[in-house]
Amino acid sequence: MSLAGTGTTRELSSAGLSFRCRRPLPVGSHIELTIEWPALYERVKPMELVVTGIVARSDGGRTAVRLTSKRFRIDSVPAERYRASA
């Protein structure tokens, strides 16, 4: 079974992360998360951190995950540059 949703990352370390989401997730389940990274690769290419892990805790709208893998995914298309005019 595959489900998709959105959440807000609260804490992130090399071993785990926690995030807020609308519904609790089953403890012990395998999960893959894609996190939009705030920096650009080579100053022009958007990046995402893709992690997989096991749900360790999920209650009160907050879920904790023990990470089993992590990697950056770099978009091959440069981010669109915006021009401002006055």
N, C-alpha and C. Protein backbone atom coordinates (compact mmCIF):
# COMPACT_ATOMS: atom_id res chain seq x y z
N MET A 1 0.84 -1.17 0.00
CA MET A 1 0.00 0.00 0.00
C MET A 1 0.88 1.23 0.00
N SER A 2 0.56 2.20 -0.82
CA SER A 2 1.33 3.42 -0.93
C SER A 2 0.43 4.62 -0.68
N LEU A 3 0.84 5.47 0.24
CA LEU A 3 0.09 6.68 0.56
C LEU A 3 0.99 7.88 0.38
N ALA A 4 0.41 9.02 0.09
CA ALA A 4 1.18 10.25 -0.05
C ALA A 4 0.55 11.31 0.85
N GLY A 5 1.36 12.23 1.29
CA GLY A 5 0.87 13.31 2.13
C GLY A 5 1.93 14.38 2.28
N THR A 6 1.63 15.38 3.07
CA THR A 6 2.58 16.45 3.34
C THR A 6 2.73 16.62 4.84
N GLY A 7 3.82 17.23 5.22
CA GLY A 7 4.08 17.49 6.63
C GLY A 7 5.11 18.59 6.75
N THR A 8 5.47 18.91 7.97
CA THR A 8 6.46 19.94 8.25
C THR A 8 7.58 19.33 9.07
N THR A 9 8.80 19.38 8.55
CA THR A 9 9.96 18.85 9.26
C THR A 9 10.22 19.69 10.51
N ARG A 10 10.40 19.02 11.64
CA ARG A 10 10.66 19.72 12.91
C ARG A 10 12.11 19.57 13.34
N GLU A 11 12.65 18.36 13.26
CA GLU A 11 14.03 18.09 13.67
C GLU A 11 14.64 17.13 12.67
N LEU A 12 15.96 17.28 12.43
CA LEU A 12 16.65 16.43 11.48
C LEU A 12 18.06 16.19 11.97
N SER A 13 18.49 14.93 12.00
CA SER A 13 19.87 14.58 12.34
C SER A 13 20.32 13.47 11.40
N SER A 14 21.54 13.01 11.55
CA SER A 14 22.03 11.95 10.68
C SER A 14 21.36 10.61 10.97
N ALA A 15 20.76 10.46 12.15
CA ALA A 15 20.14 9.18 12.54
C ALA A 15 18.62 9.17 12.46
N GLY A 16 17.99 10.35 12.45
CA GLY A 16 16.53 10.37 12.45
C GLY A 16 15.97 11.75 12.20
N LEU A 17 14.65 11.80 12.14
CA LEU A 17 13.97 13.07 11.97
C LEU A 17 12.60 12.99 12.59
N SER A 18 12.03 14.15 12.85
CA SER A 18 10.64 14.21 13.30
C SER A 18 9.93 15.24 12.45
N PHE A 19 8.65 15.00 12.26
CA PHE A 19 7.85 15.92 11.46
C PHE A 19 6.41 15.92 11.96
N ARG A 20 5.70 16.96 11.62
CA ARG A 20 4.29 17.07 11.95
C ARG A 20 3.47 16.68 10.74
N CYS A 21 2.41 15.92 10.99
CA CYS A 21 1.49 15.54 9.92
C CYS A 21 0.09 15.45 10.51
N ARG A 22 -0.89 15.33 9.64
CA ARG A 22 -2.29 15.38 10.09
C ARG A 22 -2.78 14.12 10.77
N ARG A 23 -2.22 12.97 10.39
CA ARG A 23 -2.72 11.72 10.99
C ARG A 23 -1.54 10.86 11.45
N PRO A 24 -1.75 10.06 12.48
CA PRO A 24 -0.67 9.20 12.96
C PRO A 24 -0.34 8.12 11.93
N LEU A 25 0.92 7.71 11.90
CA LEU A 25 1.37 6.65 11.01
C LEU A 25 1.64 5.39 11.82
N PRO A 26 1.49 4.21 11.23
CA PRO A 26 1.71 2.97 11.98
C PRO A 26 3.17 2.81 12.41
N VAL A 27 3.38 2.64 13.71
CA VAL A 27 4.73 2.42 14.24
C VAL A 27 5.28 1.13 13.64
N GLY A 28 6.54 1.18 13.21
CA GLY A 28 7.18 0.02 12.60
C GLY A 28 7.07 -0.01 11.08
N SER A 29 6.27 0.90 10.52
CA SER A 29 6.11 0.90 9.06
C SER A 29 7.30 1.57 8.38
N HIS A 30 7.55 1.15 7.15
CA HIS A 30 8.61 1.70 6.32
C HIS A 30 8.08 2.97 5.65
N ILE A 31 8.92 4.02 5.58
CA ILE A 31 8.48 5.29 5.02
C ILE A 31 9.58 5.90 4.16
N GLU A 32 9.18 6.58 3.09
CA GLU A 32 10.12 7.35 2.28
C GLU A 32 9.64 8.79 2.30
N LEU A 33 10.58 9.71 2.54
CA LEU A 33 10.26 11.13 2.64
C LEU A 33 11.14 11.91 1.68
N THR A 34 10.58 12.94 1.08
CA THR A 34 11.34 13.85 0.23
C THR A 34 11.26 15.23 0.86
N ILE A 35 12.42 15.80 1.16
CA ILE A 35 12.50 17.09 1.85
C ILE A 35 13.11 18.11 0.90
N GLU A 36 12.39 19.19 0.64
CA GLU A 36 12.93 20.26 -0.19
C GLU A 36 14.10 20.90 0.56
N TRP A 37 15.26 20.94 -0.09
CA TRP A 37 16.46 21.49 0.55
C TRP A 37 16.53 22.99 0.28
N PRO A 38 16.90 23.79 1.28
CA PRO A 38 16.87 25.25 1.10
C PRO A 38 18.00 25.82 0.22
N ALA A 39 19.07 25.06 0.01
CA ALA A 39 20.19 25.56 -0.79
C ALA A 39 20.11 25.00 -2.20
N LEU A 40 20.77 25.67 -3.13
CA LEU A 40 20.83 25.22 -4.52
C LEU A 40 22.19 24.62 -4.80
N TYR A 41 22.22 23.56 -5.59
CA TYR A 41 23.46 22.94 -6.02
C TYR A 41 24.06 23.81 -7.12
N GLU A 42 25.33 24.12 -7.00
CA GLU A 42 26.01 25.01 -7.94
C GLU A 42 25.27 26.33 -8.11
N ARG A 43 24.56 26.73 -7.07
CA ARG A 43 23.81 27.99 -7.00
C ARG A 43 22.64 28.09 -7.97
N VAL A 44 22.33 27.05 -8.71
CA VAL A 44 21.23 27.14 -9.68
C VAL A 44 20.29 25.94 -9.71
N LYS A 45 20.69 24.80 -9.20
CA LYS A 45 19.88 23.58 -9.32
C LYS A 45 19.22 23.22 -7.99
N PRO A 46 17.89 23.10 -7.99
CA PRO A 46 17.18 22.71 -6.77
C PRO A 46 17.60 21.31 -6.29
N MET A 47 17.61 21.13 -4.98
CA MET A 47 17.96 19.83 -4.39
C MET A 47 16.85 19.37 -3.46
N GLU A 48 16.75 18.05 -3.33
CA GLU A 48 15.86 17.42 -2.36
C GLU A 48 16.66 16.38 -1.60
N LEU A 49 16.36 16.24 -0.33
CA LEU A 49 16.93 15.15 0.47
C LEU A 49 15.89 14.04 0.49
N VAL A 50 16.25 12.87 0.00
CA VAL A 50 15.34 11.72 -0.02
C VAL A 50 15.83 10.75 1.06
N VAL A 51 14.96 10.45 2.01
CA VAL A 51 15.33 9.55 3.11
C VAL A 51 14.32 8.41 3.20
N THR A 52 14.77 7.28 3.69
CA THR A 52 13.88 6.18 4.04
C THR A 52 14.13 5.83 5.50
N GLY A 53 13.14 5.23 6.12
CA GLY A 53 13.31 4.87 7.51
C GLY A 53 12.13 4.09 8.04
N ILE A 54 12.17 3.88 9.35
CA ILE A 54 11.14 3.14 10.07
C ILE A 54 10.47 4.09 11.07
N VAL A 55 9.15 4.12 11.07
CA VAL A 55 8.42 4.97 12.01
C VAL A 55 8.65 4.44 13.42
N ALA A 56 9.23 5.27 14.27
CA ALA A 56 9.54 4.87 15.64
C ALA A 56 8.44 5.28 16.63
N ARG A 57 7.79 6.41 16.32
CA ARG A 57 6.76 6.94 17.21
C ARG A 57 5.86 7.84 16.39
N SER A 58 4.57 7.84 16.69
CA SER A 58 3.64 8.70 15.98
C SER A 58 2.43 8.96 16.86
N ASP A 59 2.35 10.18 17.39
CA ASP A 59 1.21 10.56 18.21
C ASP A 59 1.11 12.07 18.31
N GLY A 60 -0.05 12.57 18.58
CA GLY A 60 -0.26 14.00 18.76
C GLY A 60 0.16 14.84 17.56
N GLY A 61 0.08 14.27 16.37
CA GLY A 61 0.44 15.02 15.17
C GLY A 61 1.92 15.08 14.89
N ARG A 62 2.72 14.39 15.69
CA ARG A 62 4.17 14.38 15.49
C ARG A 62 4.66 12.95 15.28
N THR A 63 5.50 12.76 14.26
CA THR A 63 6.01 11.43 13.92
C THR A 63 7.53 11.45 13.97
N ALA A 64 8.13 10.43 14.56
CA ALA A 64 9.59 10.28 14.62
C ALA A 64 9.99 9.09 13.77
N VAL A 65 11.06 9.26 12.98
CA VAL A 65 11.52 8.22 12.06
C VAL A 65 12.99 7.93 12.30
N ARG A 66 13.35 6.64 12.40
CA ARG A 66 14.76 6.22 12.46
C ARG A 66 15.20 5.99 11.02
N LEU A 67 16.19 6.75 10.56
CA LEU A 67 16.60 6.71 9.17
C LEU A 67 17.40 5.45 8.84
N THR A 68 17.12 4.90 7.66
CA THR A 68 17.87 3.74 7.17
C THR A 68 18.68 4.09 5.93
N SER A 69 18.30 5.14 5.21
CA SER A 69 19.10 5.61 4.07
C SER A 69 18.80 7.08 3.81
N LYS A 70 19.75 7.76 3.17
CA LYS A 70 19.56 9.16 2.81
C LYS A 70 20.44 9.49 1.62
N ARG A 71 19.90 10.34 0.74
CA ARG A 71 20.67 10.79 -0.43
C ARG A 71 20.07 12.09 -0.94
N PHE A 72 20.91 12.87 -1.60
CA PHE A 72 20.42 14.08 -2.25
C PHE A 72 20.03 13.77 -3.67
N ARG A 73 18.95 14.37 -4.12
CA ARG A 73 18.54 14.29 -5.52
C ARG A 73 18.63 15.72 -6.06
N ILE A 74 19.34 15.87 -7.18
CA ILE A 74 19.57 17.18 -7.76
C ILE A 74 18.79 17.29 -9.06
N ASP A 75 17.99 18.33 -9.17
CA ASP A 75 17.20 18.56 -10.37
C ASP A 75 18.15 18.96 -11.50
N SER A 76 17.97 18.38 -12.66
CA SER A 76 18.86 18.68 -13.78
C SER A 76 18.55 20.01 -14.43
N VAL A 77 17.41 20.59 -14.12
CA VAL A 77 17.03 21.88 -14.70
C VAL A 77 17.31 22.97 -13.68
N PRO A 78 18.06 24.01 -14.07
CA PRO A 78 18.34 25.12 -13.13
C PRO A 78 17.05 25.78 -12.67
N ALA A 79 17.09 26.28 -11.45
CA ALA A 79 15.94 27.00 -10.91
C ALA A 79 15.73 28.26 -11.73
N GLU A 80 14.47 28.58 -11.93
CA GLU A 80 14.15 29.79 -12.69
C GLU A 80 14.58 31.00 -11.90
N ARG A 81 15.25 31.91 -12.57
CA ARG A 81 15.68 33.13 -11.90
C ARG A 81 14.59 34.18 -12.05
N TYR A 82 14.32 34.88 -10.97
CA TYR A 82 13.28 35.90 -10.99
C TYR A 82 13.94 37.27 -11.08
N ARG A 83 13.32 38.13 -11.86
CA ARG A 83 13.81 39.49 -11.99
C ARG A 83 12.77 40.42 -11.38
N ALA A 84 13.24 41.34 -10.61
CA ALA A 84 12.35 42.32 -10.00
C ALA A 84 12.53 43.65 -10.72
N SER A 85 11.46 44.33 -10.88
CA SER A 85 11.56 45.66 -11.49
C SER A 85 10.78 46.64 -10.63
N ALA A 86 11.25 47.85 -10.62
CA ALA A 86 10.61 48.87 -9.77
C ALA A 86 9.73 49.78 -10.60
